[in-house]
Amino acid sequence: MFYSKKLKRFKEIKHCFFSNRNGYSTGIYKSLNCGQGSKDSKKNIKKNLKLVAKKMRVKSENLVLMHQTHSNNVIEIKKMNYKRKIYADAMITKMRGVSLGVLTADCVPVILYDSRNKIIGCIHAGWKGAFKEIIKNTIHKIKKISSNNKIYASVGPCIGLKNYEVDVKFYKKFISKSTKNKLYFLHKRKSKKLFNLRRFVTDKLRQCNVEVDQVKHDTFNEKNKFFSYRRSCKLKQKDYGRCISTIGLLN
């Protein structure tokens, strides 16, 4: 389990970037796989989510997850026991006794706290969502609820620059949006680049006047701590687990 130094100062919230350890799943899902969309045993996933809810001091039904689609959709959670499937890649809430969760396996988990207005949030920031301005949309939604904000963000474990190889088509997509995006790429060889997803997401947050800190771990490299989609593809595994990152306002 990993924590933001800045967010840990606020006693009214509880947060955590969970590793893949200390759960019930086995095989390629060992062991704290929280990915409901994975092919892991549903029984084990449910038990893993119960462990997370207990750690976050909320009832299992109040650990709220999204059906993530790499979109720029943001949802505000306004009631307990949210039973409808949430098609979004970011959530915010002012509710106490609820914990918001984001699932990742190389994408960037971002957790947010507006300390002045007691609003929490989480973002699933893959390259597609970040490119479509999921971060800007989330901060805008927080500011629509309350003004005079003081928003903190923690950028969690994700794939590192050295392991995020992309092709020229990917590179050109970013450059066509803005030539300033060149700074997020390193040249590897003629047809390949390396993409700095963490820096791209971090800069998007800072452009929204958010105070950012980092929980720096490379999910691809640290196989004993994190799940990784790209690593599973390299190993020719049929599926992969997902780590969970959470934040909640305590009662």
Protein backbone atom coordinates (compact mmCIF):
# COMPACT_ATOMS: atom_id res chain seq x y z
CA MET A 1 0.00 0.00 0.00
CA PHE A 2 1.25 3.45 -0.93
CA TYR A 3 0.22 6.92 0.20
CA SER A 4 0.48 10.56 -0.79
CA LYS A 5 2.52 12.59 1.70
CA LYS A 6 0.40 15.68 1.07
CA LEU A 7 -2.97 13.96 1.36
CA LYS A 8 -1.94 12.06 4.47
CA ARG A 9 -1.94 15.36 6.38
CA PHE A 10 -5.73 15.61 6.12
CA LYS A 11 -7.26 13.53 8.90
CA GLU A 12 -10.81 13.82 7.50
CA ILE A 13 -9.94 11.69 4.47
CA LYS A 14 -8.52 8.22 3.94
CA HIS A 15 -6.75 7.21 0.76
CA CYS A 16 -4.54 4.45 -0.58
CA PHE A 17 -2.84 3.26 -3.76
CA PHE A 18 -3.10 -0.49 -3.22
CA SER A 19 -0.51 -2.90 -4.55
CA ASN A 20 -1.33 -6.36 -5.95
CA ARG A 21 -0.44 -8.03 -2.64
CA ASN A 22 -2.37 -9.56 0.27
CA GLY A 23 -5.48 -10.68 -1.59
CA TYR A 24 -7.24 -13.93 -2.45
CA SER A 25 -6.68 -14.33 -6.19
CA THR A 26 -4.19 -16.81 -7.65
CA GLY A 27 -2.21 -17.41 -10.84
CA ILE A 28 -1.79 -14.37 -13.09
CA TYR A 29 -4.22 -12.49 -10.80
CA LYS A 30 -2.16 -12.97 -7.65
CA SER A 31 -3.35 -11.63 -5.38
CA LEU A 32 -5.33 -8.42 -4.75
CA ASN A 33 -7.02 -8.28 -8.15
CA CYS A 34 -9.97 -5.86 -8.03
CA GLY A 35 -10.75 -5.90 -11.74
CA GLN A 36 -14.37 -6.90 -12.13
CA GLY A 37 -13.85 -6.96 -15.89
CA SER A 38 -11.09 -9.55 -15.63
CA LYS A 39 -11.59 -13.30 -16.07
CA ASP A 40 -10.59 -13.96 -12.47
CA SER A 41 -12.93 -15.80 -10.10
CA LYS A 42 -15.82 -13.46 -9.23
CA LYS A 43 -15.76 -14.88 -5.72
CA ASN A 44 -12.12 -13.88 -5.24
CA ILE A 45 -12.67 -10.41 -6.71
CA LYS A 46 -15.58 -9.86 -4.32
CA LYS A 47 -13.44 -10.96 -1.37
CA ASN A 48 -10.63 -8.65 -2.50
CA LEU A 49 -12.99 -5.69 -2.73
CA LYS A 50 -14.29 -6.47 0.77
CA LEU A 51 -10.70 -6.27 2.03
CA VAL A 52 -10.28 -2.88 0.38
CA ALA A 53 -13.59 -1.59 1.80
CA LYS A 54 -12.56 -2.71 5.28
CA LYS A 55 -9.23 -0.93 4.95
CA MET A 56 -11.05 2.21 3.79
CA ARG A 57 -13.53 1.94 6.72
CA VAL A 58 -16.62 1.80 4.51
CA LYS A 59 -19.30 -0.80 3.84
CA SER A 60 -18.63 -2.92 0.75
CA GLU A 61 -21.63 -1.41 -1.03
CA ASN A 62 -20.19 2.07 -0.45
CA LEU A 63 -16.95 1.33 -2.26
CA VAL A 64 -17.92 2.89 -5.60
CA LEU A 65 -16.23 1.76 -8.82
CA MET A 66 -16.66 2.76 -12.46
CA HIS A 67 -17.03 0.88 -15.71
CA GLN A 68 -14.01 2.62 -17.24
CA THR A 69 -14.07 3.27 -20.99
CA HIS A 70 -11.13 5.68 -21.59
CA SER A 71 -13.64 8.51 -21.92
CA ASN A 72 -13.75 12.08 -20.61
CA ASN A 73 -16.96 11.47 -18.62
CA VAL A 74 -17.14 12.63 -14.99
CA ILE A 75 -19.89 11.58 -12.56
CA GLU A 76 -20.84 13.16 -9.24
CA ILE A 77 -21.89 10.57 -6.65
CA LYS A 78 -24.82 11.95 -4.65
CA LYS A 79 -26.22 8.93 -2.80
CA MET A 80 -25.21 5.81 -0.88
CA ASN A 81 -25.48 2.27 -2.23
CA TYR A 82 -24.95 3.35 -5.81
CA LYS A 83 -26.20 0.28 -7.69
CA ARG A 84 -26.29 1.45 -11.31
CA LYS A 85 -23.24 0.72 -13.44
CA ILE A 86 -21.26 3.94 -13.75
CA TYR A 87 -19.90 4.52 -17.24
CA ALA A 88 -17.22 7.11 -16.56
CA ASP A 89 -13.51 7.62 -16.02
CA ALA A 90 -13.73 10.06 -13.12
CA MET A 91 -15.92 10.52 -10.05
CA ILE A 92 -16.32 13.23 -7.44
CA THR A 93 -18.40 13.47 -4.27
CA LYS A 94 -19.03 15.48 -1.11
CA MET A 95 -20.58 12.48 0.62
CA ARG A 96 -19.07 11.02 3.76
CA GLY A 97 -18.91 7.28 4.30
CA VAL A 98 -18.29 6.65 0.60
CA SER A 99 -14.99 5.58 -0.94
CA LEU A 100 -14.30 6.21 -4.63
CA GLY A 101 -12.12 3.71 -6.46
CA VAL A 102 -10.23 3.63 -9.75
CA LEU A 103 -8.78 0.48 -11.36
CA THR A 104 -5.49 0.52 -13.26
CA ALA A 105 -2.86 -1.73 -14.80
CA ASP A 106 -0.42 0.84 -16.33
CA CYS A 107 -2.80 3.81 -16.71
CA VAL A 108 -2.49 6.63 -14.19
CA PRO A 109 -4.67 6.64 -11.07
CA VAL A 110 -5.22 10.18 -9.82
CA ILE A 111 -6.87 10.95 -6.50
CA LEU A 112 -8.09 14.45 -5.65
CA TYR A 113 -9.06 16.45 -2.61
CA ASP A 114 -10.49 19.97 -2.42
CA SER A 115 -9.59 20.73 1.19
CA ARG A 116 -11.63 23.95 1.42
CA ASN A 117 -14.88 22.46 0.17
CA LYS A 118 -14.39 18.84 1.31
CA ILE A 119 -14.79 17.33 -2.15
CA ILE A 120 -12.96 14.14 -3.11
CA GLY A 121 -12.38 12.65 -6.54
CA CYS A 122 -10.57 10.01 -8.54
CA ILE A 123 -9.55 9.82 -12.20
CA HIS A 124 -8.64 6.94 -14.48
CA ALA A 125 -6.12 8.68 -16.74
CA GLY A 126 -4.98 6.52 -19.61
CA TRP A 127 -3.55 8.29 -22.66
CA LYS A 128 -6.96 8.39 -24.37
CA GLY A 129 -8.79 9.95 -21.44
CA ALA A 130 -5.98 12.41 -20.74
CA PHE A 131 -5.87 13.35 -24.43
CA LYS A 132 -9.67 13.92 -24.36
CA GLU A 133 -9.28 16.24 -21.32
CA ILE A 134 -10.68 14.00 -18.57
CA ILE A 135 -8.51 15.91 -16.08
CA LYS A 136 -9.75 19.35 -17.13
CA ASN A 137 -13.35 18.10 -17.07
CA THR A 138 -12.98 16.71 -13.55
CA ILE A 139 -11.47 19.89 -12.11
CA HIS A 140 -14.16 21.94 -13.87
CA LYS A 141 -16.88 19.77 -12.29
CA ILE A 142 -15.38 20.25 -8.82
CA LYS A 143 -15.30 24.02 -9.35
CA LYS A 144 -18.94 24.01 -10.48
CA ILE A 145 -19.96 22.54 -7.10
CA SER A 146 -18.01 25.06 -5.02
CA SER A 147 -15.74 28.03 -5.66
CA ASN A 148 -12.65 29.22 -3.77
CA ASN A 149 -11.04 25.82 -4.22
CA LYS A 150 -7.78 24.43 -2.92
CA ILE A 151 -7.33 21.19 -4.84
CA TYR A 152 -4.61 18.65 -4.21
CA ALA A 153 -3.87 15.72 -6.51
CA SER A 154 -1.72 12.65 -6.08
CA VAL A 155 -0.50 10.89 -9.21
CA GLY A 156 -0.14 7.20 -8.46
CA PRO A 157 1.80 4.20 -9.80
CA CYS A 158 1.72 3.87 -13.59
CA ILE A 159 3.83 2.71 -16.51
CA GLY A 160 7.18 4.48 -16.76
CA LEU A 161 8.67 6.30 -19.72
CA LYS A 162 11.23 3.59 -20.52
CA ASN A 163 8.51 0.95 -20.89
CA TYR A 164 5.88 2.93 -22.79
CA GLU A 165 6.82 2.39 -26.43
CA VAL A 166 4.51 3.92 -29.04
CA ASP A 167 4.49 4.18 -32.82
CA VAL A 168 4.74 7.21 -35.10
CA LYS A 169 0.97 7.34 -35.61
CA PHE A 170 0.50 7.77 -31.84
CA TYR A 171 3.19 10.48 -31.77
CA LYS A 172 1.64 12.39 -34.70
CA LYS A 173 -1.78 12.34 -33.01
CA PHE A 174 -0.34 14.27 -30.05
CA ILE A 175 1.76 16.64 -32.16
CA SER A 176 -1.22 17.49 -34.38
CA LYS A 177 -3.04 18.68 -31.26
CA SER A 178 -0.08 20.77 -30.08
CA THR A 179 3.58 20.87 -31.06
CA LYS A 180 4.32 21.48 -27.36
CA ASN A 181 3.48 17.80 -26.80
CA LYS A 182 6.89 16.91 -28.27
CA LEU A 183 8.36 17.25 -24.79
CA TYR A 184 6.47 14.12 -23.65
CA PHE A 185 8.30 11.88 -26.13
CA LEU A 186 11.76 10.42 -26.45
CA HIS A 187 13.14 9.01 -29.68
CA LYS A 188 13.88 5.28 -29.43
CA ARG A 189 14.45 4.20 -33.03
CA LYS A 190 13.19 5.14 -36.49
CA SER A 191 9.56 4.04 -36.09
CA LYS A 192 9.22 4.06 -32.29
CA LYS A 193 9.00 6.64 -29.52
CA LEU A 194 8.77 6.50 -25.73
CA PHE A 195 5.85 8.33 -24.12
CA ASN A 196 5.92 9.96 -20.68
CA LEU A 197 2.33 9.43 -19.54
CA ARG A 198 3.04 10.46 -15.94
CA ARG A 199 4.45 13.82 -16.99
CA PHE A 200 1.60 14.42 -19.46
CA VAL A 201 -1.01 13.81 -16.75
CA THR A 202 0.91 15.83 -14.16
CA ASP A 203 1.16 18.83 -16.46
CA LYS A 204 -2.56 18.64 -17.25
CA LEU A 205 -3.26 18.87 -13.51
CA ARG A 206 -0.87 21.78 -13.00
CA GLN A 207 -2.47 23.65 -15.91
CA CYS A 208 -5.69 23.52 -13.85
CA ASN A 209 -3.91 25.14 -10.85
CA VAL A 210 -3.89 21.91 -8.87
CA GLU A 211 -1.14 21.19 -6.34
CA VAL A 212 0.40 17.85 -7.32
CA ASP A 213 2.51 15.23 -5.63
CA GLN A 214 3.75 11.90 -6.94
CA VAL A 215 3.69 8.30 -5.77
CA LYS A 216 6.38 7.19 -8.20
CA HIS A 217 6.40 3.52 -9.12
CA ASP A 218 6.66 1.88 -12.54
CA THR A 219 3.89 -0.73 -12.83
CA PHE A 220 5.62 -2.50 -15.72
CA ASN A 221 8.91 -3.01 -13.87
CA GLU A 222 7.60 -3.83 -10.39
CA LYS A 223 5.90 -7.15 -11.06
CA ASN A 224 5.74 -8.12 -7.39
CA LYS A 225 3.79 -4.96 -6.53
CA PHE A 226 1.58 -4.04 -9.49
CA PHE A 227 -0.42 -5.47 -12.35
CA SER A 228 0.57 -4.35 -15.84
CA TYR A 229 -1.32 -4.71 -19.10
CA ARG A 230 1.80 -4.22 -21.19
CA ARG A 231 3.81 -6.71 -19.17
CA SER A 232 1.05 -9.31 -19.51
CA CYS A 233 1.07 -8.78 -23.28
CA LYS A 234 4.85 -9.19 -23.41
CA LEU A 235 4.56 -12.44 -21.44
CA LYS A 236 1.70 -13.58 -23.73
CA GLN A 237 -0.67 -13.99 -20.80
CA LYS A 238 -4.38 -14.28 -21.62
CA ASP A 239 -5.51 -11.64 -19.14
CA TYR A 240 -4.28 -9.37 -16.35
CA GLY A 241 -5.32 -8.10 -12.94
CA ARG A 242 -6.10 -4.53 -11.91
CA CYS A 243 -4.88 -2.61 -8.88
CA ILE A 244 -7.22 -0.28 -7.04
CA SER A 245 -6.62 3.27 -5.77
CA THR A 246 -9.15 4.83 -3.41
CA ILE A 247 -10.12 7.95 -1.50
CA GLY A 248 -12.92 8.55 0.99
CA LEU A 249 -14.28 11.22 3.33
CA LEU A 250 -14.54 9.78 6.82
CA ASN A 251 -17.77 10.04 8.83
